[in-house]
PDB file of all heavy atoms in Angstrom:
ATOM      1  N   CYS A   1     -28.718   3.560  84.291  1.00  0.00           N
ATOM      2  CA  CYS A   1     -27.897   2.479  84.889  1.00  0.00           C
ATOM      3  C   CYS A   1     -27.213   1.768  83.701  1.00  0.00           C
ATOM      4  O   CYS A   1     -27.597   2.066  82.545  1.00  0.00           O
ATOM      5  CB  CYS A   1     -28.853   1.477  85.776  1.00  0.00           C
ATOM      6  SG  CYS A   1     -30.147   0.852  84.824  1.00  0.00           S
ATOM      7  N   GLU A   2     -26.434   0.789  83.962  1.00  0.00           N
ATOM      8  CA  GLU A   2     -25.869   0.031  82.871  1.00  0.00           C
ATOM      9  C   GLU A   2     -26.889  -0.869  82.289  1.00  0.00           C
ATOM     10  O   GLU A   2     -27.157  -0.926  81.133  1.00  0.00           O
ATOM     11  CB  GLU A   2     -24.677  -0.778  83.400  1.00  0.00           C
ATOM     12  CG  GLU A   2     -23.952  -1.292  82.245  1.00  0.00           C
ATOM     13  CD  GLU A   2     -22.636  -2.049  82.669  1.00  0.00           C
ATOM     14  OE1 GLU A   2     -21.693  -1.130  83.097  1.00  0.00           O
ATOM     15  OE2 GLU A   2     -22.450  -3.264  82.636  1.00  0.00           O
ATOM     16  N   GLN A   3     -27.631  -1.601  83.261  1.00  0.00           N
ATOM     17  CA  GLN A   3     -28.605  -2.591  82.829  1.00  0.00           C
ATOM     18  C   GLN A   3     -29.691  -2.618  83.946  1.00  0.00           C
ATOM     19  O   GLN A   3     -29.461  -2.273  85.050  1.00  0.00           O
ATOM     20  CB  GLN A   3     -28.135  -4.023  82.499  1.00  0.00           C
ATOM     21  CG  GLN A   3     -27.308  -4.017  81.270  1.00  0.00           C
ATOM     22  CD  GLN A   3     -26.897  -5.403  80.955  1.00  0.00           C
ATOM     23  OE1 GLN A   3     -26.115  -5.961  81.672  1.00  0.00           O
ATOM     24  NE2 GLN A   3     -27.453  -5.918  79.933  1.00  0.00           N
ATOM     25  N   TRP A   4     -30.871  -3.188  83.598  1.00  0.00           N
ATOM     26  CA  TRP A   4     -31.926  -3.419  84.539  1.00  0.00           C
ATOM     27  C   TRP A   4     -31.974  -4.831  85.096  1.00  0.00           C
ATOM     28  O   TRP A   4     -31.800  -5.723  84.098  1.00  0.00           O
ATOM     29  CB  TRP A   4     -33.229  -3.100  83.872  1.00  0.00           C
ATOM     30  CG  TRP A   4     -34.514  -3.257  84.711  1.00  0.00           C
ATOM     31  CD1 TRP A   4     -35.287  -4.240  84.691  1.00  0.00           C
ATOM     32  CD2 TRP A   4     -34.941  -2.317  85.745  1.00  0.00           C
ATOM     33  NE1 TRP A   4     -36.289  -4.059  85.665  1.00  0.00           N
ATOM     34  CE2 TRP A   4     -36.134  -2.963  86.292  1.00  0.00           C
ATOM     35  CE3 TRP A   4     -34.408  -1.103  86.287  1.00  0.00           C
ATOM     36  CZ2 TRP A   4     -36.721  -2.310  87.261  1.00  0.00           C
ATOM     37  CZ3 TRP A   4     -35.143  -0.560  87.280  1.00  0.00           C
ATOM     38  CH2 TRP A   4     -36.301  -1.131  87.776  1.00  0.00           C
ATOM     39  N   ASN A   5     -32.164  -5.013  86.269  1.00  0.00           N
ATOM     40  CA  ASN A   5     -32.224  -6.398  86.844  1.00  0.00           C
ATOM     41  C   ASN A   5     -33.643  -6.792  87.011  1.00  0.00           C
ATOM     42  O   ASN A   5     -34.341  -6.329  87.850  1.00  0.00           O
ATOM     43  CB  ASN A   5     -31.485  -6.398  88.151  1.00  0.00           C
ATOM     44  CG  ASN A   5     -31.425  -7.857  88.799  1.00  0.00           C
ATOM     45  OD1 ASN A   5     -32.333  -8.635  88.629  1.00  0.00           O
ATOM     46  ND2 ASN A   5     -30.364  -8.189  89.406  1.00  0.00           N
ATOM     47  N   ASN A   6     -34.159  -7.641  86.119  1.00  0.00           N
ATOM     48  CA  ASN A   6     -35.521  -8.061  86.227  1.00  0.00           C
ATOM     49  C   ASN A   6     -35.902  -8.790  87.443  1.00  0.00           C
ATOM     50  O   ASN A   6     -37.067  -8.691  87.926  1.00  0.00           O
ATOM     51  CB  ASN A   6     -35.942  -9.058  85.015  1.00  0.00           C
ATOM     52  CG  ASN A   6     -36.344  -8.243  83.790  1.00  0.00           C
ATOM     53  OD1 ASN A   6     -36.420  -6.974  83.804  1.00  0.00           O
ATOM     54  ND2 ASN A   6     -36.678  -8.954  82.750  1.00  0.00           N
ATOM     55  N   LEU A   7     -35.007  -9.666  88.053  1.00  0.00           N
ATOM     56  CA  LEU A   7     -35.362 -10.303  89.180  1.00  0.00           C
ATOM     57  C   LEU A   7     -35.425  -9.431  90.408  1.00  0.00           C
ATOM     58  O   LEU A   7     -36.363  -9.478  91.257  1.00  0.00           O
ATOM     59  CB  LEU A   7     -34.374 -11.403  89.415  1.00  0.00           C
ATOM     60  CG  LEU A   7     -34.327 -12.551  88.434  1.00  0.00           C
ATOM     61  CD1 LEU A   7     -33.219 -13.561  88.706  1.00  0.00           C
ATOM     62  CD2 LEU A   7     -35.600 -13.378  88.361  1.00  0.00           C
ATOM     63  N   ALA A   8     -34.536  -8.517  90.568  1.00  0.00           N
ATOM     64  CA  ALA A   8     -34.557  -7.669  91.738  1.00  0.00           C
ATOM     65  C   ALA A   8     -35.402  -6.442  91.460  1.00  0.00           C
ATOM     66  O   ALA A   8     -35.657  -5.666  92.376  1.00  0.00           O
ATOM     67  CB  ALA A   8     -33.134  -7.142  92.111  1.00  0.00           C
ATOM     68  N   GLU A   9     -35.738  -6.163  90.168  1.00  0.00           N
ATOM     69  CA  GLU A   9     -36.554  -5.079  89.760  1.00  0.00           C
ATOM     70  C   GLU A   9     -35.846  -3.654  90.136  1.00  0.00           C
ATOM     71  O   GLU A   9     -36.439  -2.746  90.724  1.00  0.00           O
ATOM     72  CB  GLU A   9     -37.928  -4.984  90.334  1.00  0.00           C
ATOM     73  CG  GLU A   9     -38.676  -6.222  89.864  1.00  0.00           C
ATOM     74  CD  GLU A   9     -40.093  -6.348  90.519  1.00  0.00           C
ATOM     75  OE1 GLU A   9     -40.774  -5.201  90.568  1.00  0.00           O
ATOM     76  OE2 GLU A   9     -40.518  -7.295  90.985  1.00  0.00           O
ATOM     77  N   THR A  10     -34.465  -3.703  89.932  1.00  0.00           N
ATOM     78  CA  THR A  10     -33.652  -2.560  90.297  1.00  0.00           C
ATOM     79  C   THR A  10     -32.577  -2.267  89.164  1.00  0.00           C
ATOM     80  O   THR A  10     -32.256  -3.224  88.530  1.00  0.00           O
ATOM     81  CB  THR A  10     -32.899  -2.668  91.621  1.00  0.00           C
ATOM     82  OG1 THR A  10     -32.161  -3.902  91.571  1.00  0.00           O
ATOM     83  CG2 THR A  10     -33.960  -2.819  92.890  1.00  0.00           C
ATOM     84  N   PRO A  11     -32.001  -1.088  89.171  1.00  0.00           N
ATOM     85  CA  PRO A  11     -30.977  -0.883  88.268  1.00  0.00           C
ATOM     86  C   PRO A  11     -29.695  -1.529  88.664  1.00  0.00           C
ATOM     87  O   PRO A  11     -29.380  -1.642  89.851  1.00  0.00           O
ATOM     88  CB  PRO A  11     -30.798   0.664  88.283  1.00  0.00           C
ATOM     89  CG  PRO A  11     -31.805   1.137  89.246  1.00  0.00           C
ATOM     90  CD  PRO A  11     -32.465   0.071  89.893  1.00  0.00           C
ATOM     91  N   MET A  12     -28.919  -1.989  87.793  1.00  0.00           N
ATOM     92  CA  MET A  12     -27.593  -2.572  87.935  1.00  0.00           C
ATOM     93  C   MET A  12     -26.558  -1.495  87.600  1.00  0.00           C
ATOM     94  O   MET A  12     -26.667  -0.866  86.460  1.00  0.00           O
ATOM     95  CB  MET A  12     -27.370  -3.857  87.206  1.00  0.00           C
ATOM     96  CG  MET A  12     -28.207  -4.927  87.694  1.00  0.00           C
ATOM     97  SD  MET A  12     -28.202  -6.453  86.627  1.00  0.00           S
ATOM     98  CE  MET A  12     -26.401  -6.688  86.237  1.00  0.00           C
ATOM     99  N   THR A  13     -25.588  -1.221  88.370  1.00  0.00           N
ATOM    100  CA  THR A  13     -24.584  -0.268  88.135  1.00  0.00           C
ATOM    101  C   THR A  13     -25.154   1.139  87.809  1.00  0.00           C
ATOM    102  O   THR A  13     -25.182   1.511  86.581  1.00  0.00           O
ATOM    103  CB  THR A  13     -23.546  -0.673  87.002  1.00  0.00           C
ATOM    104  OG1 THR A  13     -23.270  -2.030  87.195  1.00  0.00           O
ATOM    105  CG2 THR A  13     -22.323   0.241  86.991  1.00  0.00           C
ATOM    106  N   PRO A  14     -25.737   1.789  88.819  1.00  0.00           N
ATOM    107  CA  PRO A  14     -26.379   3.161  88.486  1.00  0.00           C
ATOM    108  C   PRO A  14     -25.433   4.014  87.855  1.00  0.00           C
ATOM    109  O   PRO A  14     -24.110   4.030  88.057  1.00  0.00           O
ATOM    110  CB  PRO A  14     -26.788   3.664  89.900  1.00  0.00           C
ATOM    111  CG  PRO A  14     -26.876   2.421  90.737  1.00  0.00           C
ATOM    112  CD  PRO A  14     -25.832   1.414  90.176  1.00  0.00           C
ATOM    113  N   LEU A  15     -25.872   4.979  86.980  1.00  0.00           N
ATOM    114  CA  LEU A  15     -25.094   5.997  86.262  1.00  0.00           C
ATOM    115  C   LEU A  15     -25.635   7.348  86.581  1.00  0.00           C
ATOM    116  O   LEU A  15     -26.936   7.537  86.691  1.00  0.00           O
ATOM    117  CB  LEU A  15     -25.081   5.689  84.752  1.00  0.00           C
ATOM    118  CG  LEU A  15     -24.590   4.312  84.267  1.00  0.00           C
ATOM    119  CD1 LEU A  15     -24.886   4.178  82.799  1.00  0.00           C
ATOM    120  CD2 LEU A  15     -23.126   4.176  84.606  1.00  0.00           C
ATOM    121  N   THR A  16     -24.780   8.333  86.592  1.00  0.00           N
ATOM    122  CA  THR A  16     -25.338   9.699  86.666  1.00  0.00           C
ATOM    123  C   THR A  16     -25.757  10.053  85.156  1.00  0.00           C
ATOM    124  O   THR A  16     -25.418   9.407  84.253  1.00  0.00           O
ATOM    125  CB  THR A  16     -24.216  10.714  87.060  1.00  0.00           C
ATOM    126  OG1 THR A  16     -23.256  10.712  85.992  1.00  0.00           O
ATOM    127  CG2 THR A  16     -23.631  10.294  88.385  1.00  0.00           C
ATOM    128  N   PRO A  17     -26.630  11.124  85.038  1.00  0.00           N
ATOM    129  CA  PRO A  17     -26.924  11.509  83.747  1.00  0.00           C
ATOM    130  C   PRO A  17     -25.739  11.819  82.905  1.00  0.00           C
ATOM    131  O   PRO A  17     -25.748  11.482  81.710  1.00  0.00           O
ATOM    132  CB  PRO A  17     -27.875  12.772  83.966  1.00  0.00           C
ATOM    133  CG  PRO A  17     -28.468  12.546  85.294  1.00  0.00           C
ATOM    134  CD  PRO A  17     -27.321  11.820  86.080  1.00  0.00           C
ATOM    135  N   ASP A  18     -24.771  12.378  83.461  1.00  0.00           N
ATOM    136  CA  ASP A  18     -23.545  12.744  82.691  1.00  0.00           C
ATOM    137  C   ASP A  18     -22.821  11.447  82.146  1.00  0.00           C
ATOM    138  O   ASP A  18     -22.287  11.349  81.018  1.00  0.00           O
ATOM    139  CB  ASP A  18     -22.507  13.601  83.494  1.00  0.00           C
ATOM    140  CG  ASP A  18     -23.093  14.981  83.591  1.00  0.00           C
ATOM    141  OD1 ASP A  18     -23.904  15.379  82.791  1.00  0.00           O
ATOM    142  OD2 ASP A  18     -22.499  15.677  84.526  1.00  0.00           O
ATOM    143  N   GLN A  19     -22.737  10.450  82.983  1.00  0.00           N
ATOM    144  CA  GLN A  19     -22.131   9.109  82.610  1.00  0.00           C
ATOM    145  C   GLN A  19     -22.919   8.427  81.618  1.00  0.00           C
ATOM    146  O   GLN A  19     -22.488   7.949  80.580  1.00  0.00           O
ATOM    147  CB  GLN A  19     -22.087   8.273  83.920  1.00  0.00           C
ATOM    148  CG  GLN A  19     -21.036   8.655  84.896  1.00  0.00           C
ATOM    149  CD  GLN A  19     -21.134   7.873  86.135  1.00  0.00           C
ATOM    150  OE1 GLN A  19     -22.113   7.526  86.620  1.00  0.00           O
ATOM    151  NE2 GLN A  19     -19.964   7.509  86.708  1.00  0.00           N
ATOM    152  N   ALA A  20     -24.243   8.501  81.697  1.00  0.00           N
ATOM    153  CA  ALA A  20     -25.127   7.861  80.722  1.00  0.00           C
ATOM    154  C   ALA A  20     -24.952   8.603  79.293  1.00  0.00           C
ATOM    155  O   ALA A  20     -25.023   7.899  78.316  1.00  0.00           O
ATOM    156  CB  ALA A  20     -26.548   7.914  81.131  1.00  0.00           C
ATOM    157  N   GLN A  21     -24.920   9.889  79.502  1.00  0.00           N
ATOM    158  CA  GLN A  21     -24.780  10.681  78.239  1.00  0.00           C
ATOM    159  C   GLN A  21     -23.542  10.461  77.457  1.00  0.00           C
ATOM    160  O   GLN A  21     -23.479  10.295  76.225  1.00  0.00           O
ATOM    161  CB  GLN A  21     -24.982  12.188  78.490  1.00  0.00           C
ATOM    162  CG  GLN A  21     -24.941  13.024  77.276  1.00  0.00           C
ATOM    163  CD  GLN A  21     -25.338  14.468  77.532  1.00  0.00           C
ATOM    164  OE1 GLN A  21     -25.402  14.904  78.676  1.00  0.00           O
ATOM    165  NE2 GLN A  21     -25.744  15.169  76.443  1.00  0.00           N
ATOM    166  N   ALA A  22     -22.455  10.222  78.332  1.00  0.00           N
ATOM    167  CA  ALA A  22     -21.159   9.905  77.698  1.00  0.00           C
ATOM    168  C   ALA A  22     -21.240   8.598  77.108  1.00  0.00           C
ATOM    169  O   ALA A  22     -20.694   8.278  75.946  1.00  0.00           O
ATOM    170  CB  ALA A  22     -20.058   9.913  78.773  1.00  0.00           C
ATOM    171  N   ARG A  23     -21.990   7.612  77.645  1.00  0.00           N
ATOM    172  CA  ARG A  23     -22.149   6.294  77.019  1.00  0.00           C
ATOM    173  C   ARG A  23     -22.957   6.385  75.696  1.00  0.00           C
ATOM    174  O   ARG A  23     -22.800   5.599  74.760  1.00  0.00           O
ATOM    175  CB  ARG A  23     -22.851   5.300  77.959  1.00  0.00           C
ATOM    176  CG  ARG A  23     -21.901   4.792  79.117  1.00  0.00           C
ATOM    177  CD  ARG A  23     -22.544   3.919  80.097  1.00  0.00           C
ATOM    178  NE  ARG A  23     -21.629   3.379  81.092  1.00  0.00           N
ATOM    179  CZ  ARG A  23     -21.398   2.090  81.212  1.00  0.00           C
ATOM    180  NH1 ARG A  23     -22.077   1.251  80.560  1.00  0.00           N
ATOM    181  NH2 ARG A  23     -20.541   1.741  82.128  1.00  0.00           N
ATOM    182  N   HIS A  24     -24.022   7.161  75.756  1.00  0.00           N
ATOM    183  CA  HIS A  24     -24.789   7.391  74.524  1.00  0.00           C
ATOM    184  C   HIS A  24     -23.968   7.890  73.377  1.00  0.00           C
ATOM    185  O   HIS A  24     -23.975   7.358  72.344  1.00  0.00           O
ATOM    186  CB  HIS A  24     -25.893   8.470  74.896  1.00  0.00           C
ATOM    187  CG  HIS A  24     -26.868   8.614  73.726  1.00  0.00           C
ATOM    188  ND1 HIS A  24     -28.008   7.916  73.521  1.00  0.00           N
ATOM    189  CD2 HIS A  24     -26.817   9.562  72.629  1.00  0.00           C
ATOM    190  CE1 HIS A  24     -28.622   8.344  72.511  1.00  0.00           C
ATOM    191  NE2 HIS A  24     -27.883   9.432  71.952  1.00  0.00           N
ATOM    192  N   ALA A  25     -23.064   8.829  73.691  1.00  0.00           N
ATOM    193  CA  ALA A  25     -22.109   9.588  72.681  1.00  0.00           C
ATOM    194  C   ALA A  25     -21.201   8.511  72.250  1.00  0.00           C
ATOM    195  O   ALA A  25     -20.771   8.495  71.014  1.00  0.00           O
ATOM    196  CB  ALA A  25     -21.509  10.711  73.257  1.00  0.00           C
ATOM    197  N   SER A  26     -20.716   7.605  73.095  1.00  0.00           N
ATOM    198  CA  SER A  26     -19.568   6.772  72.667  1.00  0.00           C
ATOM    199  C   SER A  26     -20.139   5.314  72.130  1.00  0.00           C
ATOM    200  O   SER A  26     -19.428   4.542  71.531  1.00  0.00           O
ATOM    201  CB  SER A  26     -18.698   6.395  73.825  1.00  0.00           C
ATOM    202  OG  SER A  26     -19.444   5.598  74.880  1.00  0.00           O
ATOM    203  N   GLY A  27     -21.395   5.094  72.354  1.00  0.00           N
ATOM    204  CA  GLY A  27     -22.142   4.008  71.736  1.00  0.00           C
ATOM    205  C   GLY A  27     -22.085   2.798  72.788  1.00  0.00           C
ATOM    206  O   GLY A  27     -22.482   1.687  72.419  1.00  0.00           O
ATOM    207  N   ASP A  28     -21.571   3.081  73.971  1.00  0.00           N
ATOM    208  CA  ASP A  28     -21.577   2.053  75.062  1.00  0.00           C
ATOM    209  C   ASP A  28     -23.005   1.759  75.637  1.00  0.00           C
ATOM    210  O   ASP A  28     -23.823   2.639  75.587  1.00  0.00           O
ATOM    211  CB  ASP A  28     -20.618   2.353  76.125  1.00  0.00           C
ATOM    212  CG  ASP A  28     -19.157   2.309  75.662  1.00  0.00           C
ATOM    213  OD1 ASP A  28     -18.828   1.627  74.735  1.00  0.00           O
ATOM    214  OD2 ASP A  28     -18.268   3.059  76.281  1.00  0.00           O
ATOM    215  N   LEU A  29     -23.128   0.591  76.214  1.00  0.00           N
ATOM    216  CA  LEU A  29     -24.447   0.129  76.751  1.00  0.00           C
ATOM    217  C   LEU A  29     -24.947   1.003  77.885  1.00  0.00           C
ATOM    218  O   LEU A  29     -24.100   1.318  78.787  1.00  0.00           O
ATOM    219  CB  LEU A  29     -24.445  -1.310  77.202  1.00  0.00           C
ATOM    220  CG  LEU A  29     -25.585  -1.831  77.900  1.00  0.00           C
ATOM    221  CD1 LEU A  29     -26.832  -1.923  76.979  1.00  0.00           C
ATOM    222  CD2 LEU A  29     -25.316  -3.195  78.508  1.00  0.00           C
ATOM    223  N   TYR A  30     -26.184   1.535  77.846  1.00  0.00           N
ATOM    224  CA  TYR A  30     -26.763   2.084  79.067  1.00  0.00           C
ATOM    225  C   TYR A  30     -28.196   1.907  79.083  1.00  0.00           C
ATOM    226  O   TYR A  30     -28.820   1.597  77.917  1.00  0.00           O
ATOM    227  CB  TYR A  30     -26.332   3.581  79.166  1.00  0.00           C
ATOM    228  CG  TYR A  30     -27.105   4.576  78.281  1.00  0.00           C
ATOM    229  CD1 TYR A  30     -28.394   5.168  78.730  1.00  0.00           C
ATOM    230  CD2 TYR A  30     -26.788   4.690  76.956  1.00  0.00           C
ATOM    231  CE1 TYR A  30     -29.028   6.029  77.932  1.00  0.00           C
ATOM    232  CE2 TYR A  30     -27.487   5.511  76.112  1.00  0.00           C
ATOM    233  CZ  TYR A  30     -28.671   6.194  76.547  1.00  0.00           C
ATOM    234  OH  TYR A  30     -29.338   7.004  75.811  1.00  0.00           O
ATOM    235  N   THR A  31     -28.863   2.096  80.104  1.00  0.00           N
ATOM    236  CA  THR A  31     -30.361   1.938  80.227  1.00  0.00           C
ATOM    237  C   THR A  31     -30.972   3.126  80.831  1.00  0.00           C
ATOM    238  O   THR A  31     -30.434   3.602  81.876  1.00  0.00           O
ATOM    239  CB  THR A  31     -30.687   0.662  80.960  1.00  0.00           C
ATOM    240  OG1 THR A  31     -30.131  -0.477  80.258  1.00  0.00           O
ATOM    241  CG2 THR A  31     -32.154   0.416  81.064  1.00  0.00           C
ATOM    242  N   ALA A  32     -31.984   3.580  80.279  1.00  0.00           N
ATOM    243  CA  ALA A  32     -32.784   4.729  80.885  1.00  0.00           C
ATOM    244  C   ALA A  32     -33.985   4.093  81.366  1.00  0.00           C
ATOM    245  O   ALA A  32     -34.770   3.414  80.642  1.00  0.00           O
ATOM    246  CB  ALA A  32     -32.963   5.868  79.831  1.00  0.00           C
ATOM    247  N   VAL A  33     -34.358   4.331  82.621  1.00  0.00           N
ATOM    248  CA  VAL A  33     -35.540   3.748  83.218  1.00  0.00           C
ATOM    249  C   VAL A  33     -36.551   4.913  83.634  1.00  0.00           C
ATOM    250  O   VAL A  33     -36.150   5.852  84.328  1.00  0.00           O
ATOM    251  CB  VAL A  33     -35.156   3.009  84.501  1.00  0.00           C
ATOM    252  CG1 VAL A  33     -36.502   2.358  85.132  1.00  0.00           C
ATOM    253  CG2 VAL A  33     -34.160   1.946  84.218  1.00  0.00           C
ATOM    254  N   ALA A  34     -37.763   4.917  83.190  1.00  0.00           N
ATOM    255  CA  ALA A  34     -38.732   5.865  83.355  1.00  0.00           C
ATOM    256  C   ALA A  34     -39.716   5.416  84.577  1.00  0.00           C
ATOM    257  O   ALA A  34     -40.228   4.343  84.588  1.00  0.00           O
ATOM    258  CB  ALA A  34     -39.518   6.145  82.129  1.00  0.00           C
TER     259      ALA A  34
END
């Protein structure tokens, strides 16, 4: 996701693995939740 929402305990702006990987490569913010 883009970020984690602590209050709702849910992801904000979910991302596909491909979208997150693109953000990783470009340096843009993303969050991986285990």
